[in-house]
Amino acid sequence: MKRLKYFLPFLFTIFLSSPLFAQGIVPQGMQNLTDQILEVFTGPLVRTILIIIFVATGIVFAYNKDNEKMKRNCIAIFVGIAIVGIGGEVVRQVWNAAGLR
């Protein structure tokens, strides 16, 4: 029981202080990996697919005006398209604000 009394503060000290030492480290491999991931989500192929899905959802939304369940599904798809569409820019802004680029 005595060991547990000293072990928990030691454990908290190690885990809470380790991020302080890691703040100045910016791994170069991580930047390249994030750039590649952003290219996948912001590339021309993904933009084209998002536009096609947006147009198809708009057509479905226009033809199913009386179906409330379909309206909710279409609005959910529109929100998803918006999140995927601006997600790359949000990540870029966060990385720039954090000084990682």
Protein backbone atom coordinates (compact mmCIF):
# COMPACT_ATOMS: atom_id res chain seq x y z
CA MET A 1 0.00 0.00 0.00
CA LYS A 2 2.91 2.29 0.72
CA ARG A 3 4.22 1.86 -2.82
CA LEU A 4 0.90 2.86 -4.32
CA LYS A 5 0.95 6.04 -2.28
CA TYR A 6 4.19 7.15 -3.98
CA PHE A 7 3.57 5.55 -7.35
CA LEU A 8 0.47 7.53 -8.36
CA PRO A 9 2.03 11.00 -7.84
CA PHE A 10 5.13 9.81 -9.68
CA LEU A 11 3.00 8.53 -12.55
CA PHE A 12 1.05 11.78 -12.78
CA THR A 13 4.26 13.80 -12.69
CA ILE A 14 5.76 11.84 -15.56
CA PHE A 15 2.66 11.94 -17.74
CA LEU A 16 1.80 15.56 -17.06
CA SER A 17 5.31 16.91 -17.52
CA SER A 18 6.28 14.98 -20.64
CA PRO A 19 4.30 17.24 -23.04
CA LEU A 20 6.27 20.22 -21.71
CA PHE A 21 9.49 18.70 -23.02
CA ALA A 22 7.97 17.73 -26.36
CA GLN A 23 6.65 21.17 -27.33
CA GLY A 24 9.67 22.21 -29.36
CA ILE A 25 9.80 19.05 -31.43
CA VAL A 26 8.25 19.23 -34.89
CA PRO A 27 8.77 15.96 -36.74
CA GLN A 28 9.45 16.53 -40.42
CA GLY A 29 7.95 13.18 -41.37
CA MET A 30 4.70 14.23 -39.76
CA GLN A 31 4.48 17.34 -41.93
CA ASN A 32 4.97 15.30 -45.09
CA LEU A 33 2.36 12.79 -43.98
CA THR A 34 -0.21 15.48 -43.22
CA ASP A 35 0.46 17.15 -46.57
CA GLN A 36 -0.18 13.83 -48.32
CA ILE A 37 -3.40 13.28 -46.38
CA LEU A 38 -4.58 16.81 -47.18
CA GLU A 39 -3.85 16.23 -50.86
CA VAL A 40 -6.09 13.17 -50.80
CA PHE A 41 -9.01 15.11 -49.30
CA THR A 42 -8.54 18.32 -51.29
CA GLY A 43 -7.48 16.91 -54.64
CA PRO A 44 -9.40 17.38 -57.88
CA LEU A 45 -10.82 13.83 -57.83
CA VAL A 46 -12.44 14.33 -54.42
CA ARG A 47 -13.77 17.75 -55.44
CA THR A 48 -15.33 16.22 -58.56
CA ILE A 49 -16.93 13.42 -56.56
CA LEU A 50 -18.30 15.92 -54.04
CA ILE A 51 -19.82 18.04 -56.83
CA ILE A 52 -21.47 14.99 -58.41
CA ILE A 53 -22.90 13.89 -55.05
CA PHE A 54 -24.08 17.45 -54.36
CA VAL A 55 -25.92 17.67 -57.68
CA ALA A 56 -27.46 14.19 -57.28
CA THR A 57 -28.61 15.01 -53.76
CA GLY A 58 -30.10 18.30 -54.97
CA ILE A 59 -32.08 16.45 -57.63
CA VAL A 60 -33.32 13.88 -55.09
CA PHE A 61 -34.23 16.71 -52.71
CA ALA A 62 -36.20 18.52 -55.45
CA TYR A 63 -38.19 15.45 -56.52
CA ASN A 64 -39.04 14.28 -52.98
CA LYS A 65 -40.55 17.43 -51.54
CA ASP A 66 -43.31 15.60 -49.66
CA ASN A 67 -41.11 12.89 -48.12
CA GLU A 68 -39.84 14.25 -44.78
CA LYS A 69 -37.47 11.32 -44.16
CA MET A 70 -35.80 11.86 -47.51
CA LYS A 71 -35.49 15.60 -46.78
CA ARG A 72 -33.65 14.84 -43.53
CA ASN A 73 -31.34 12.42 -45.31
CA CYS A 74 -30.58 14.95 -48.05
CA ILE A 75 -29.82 17.68 -45.53
CA ALA A 76 -27.51 15.30 -43.67
CA ILE A 77 -25.70 14.57 -46.95
CA PHE A 78 -25.38 18.30 -47.68
CA VAL A 79 -23.85 18.88 -44.25
CA GLY A 80 -21.45 15.96 -44.77
CA ILE A 81 -20.37 17.34 -48.14
CA ALA A 82 -19.74 20.74 -46.56
CA ILE A 83 -17.65 19.23 -43.76
CA VAL A 84 -15.53 17.16 -46.16
CA GLY A 85 -15.25 20.13 -48.53
CA ILE A 86 -13.89 22.58 -45.96
CA GLY A 87 -12.09 20.05 -43.77
CA GLY A 88 -8.76 20.45 -45.57
CA GLU A 89 -8.77 24.20 -45.16
CA VAL A 90 -9.64 23.91 -41.47
CA VAL A 91 -6.71 21.54 -40.92
CA ARG A 92 -4.37 23.88 -42.80
CA GLN A 93 -5.46 26.83 -40.67
CA VAL A 94 -4.97 24.86 -37.45
CA TRP A 95 -1.50 23.74 -38.52
CA ASN A 96 -0.57 27.30 -39.49
CA ALA A 97 -1.93 28.73 -36.23
CA ALA A 98 0.01 26.17 -34.22
CA GLY A 99 3.22 27.09 -36.05
CA LEU A 100 3.75 23.60 -37.38
CA ARG A 101 4.14 24.68 -41.00
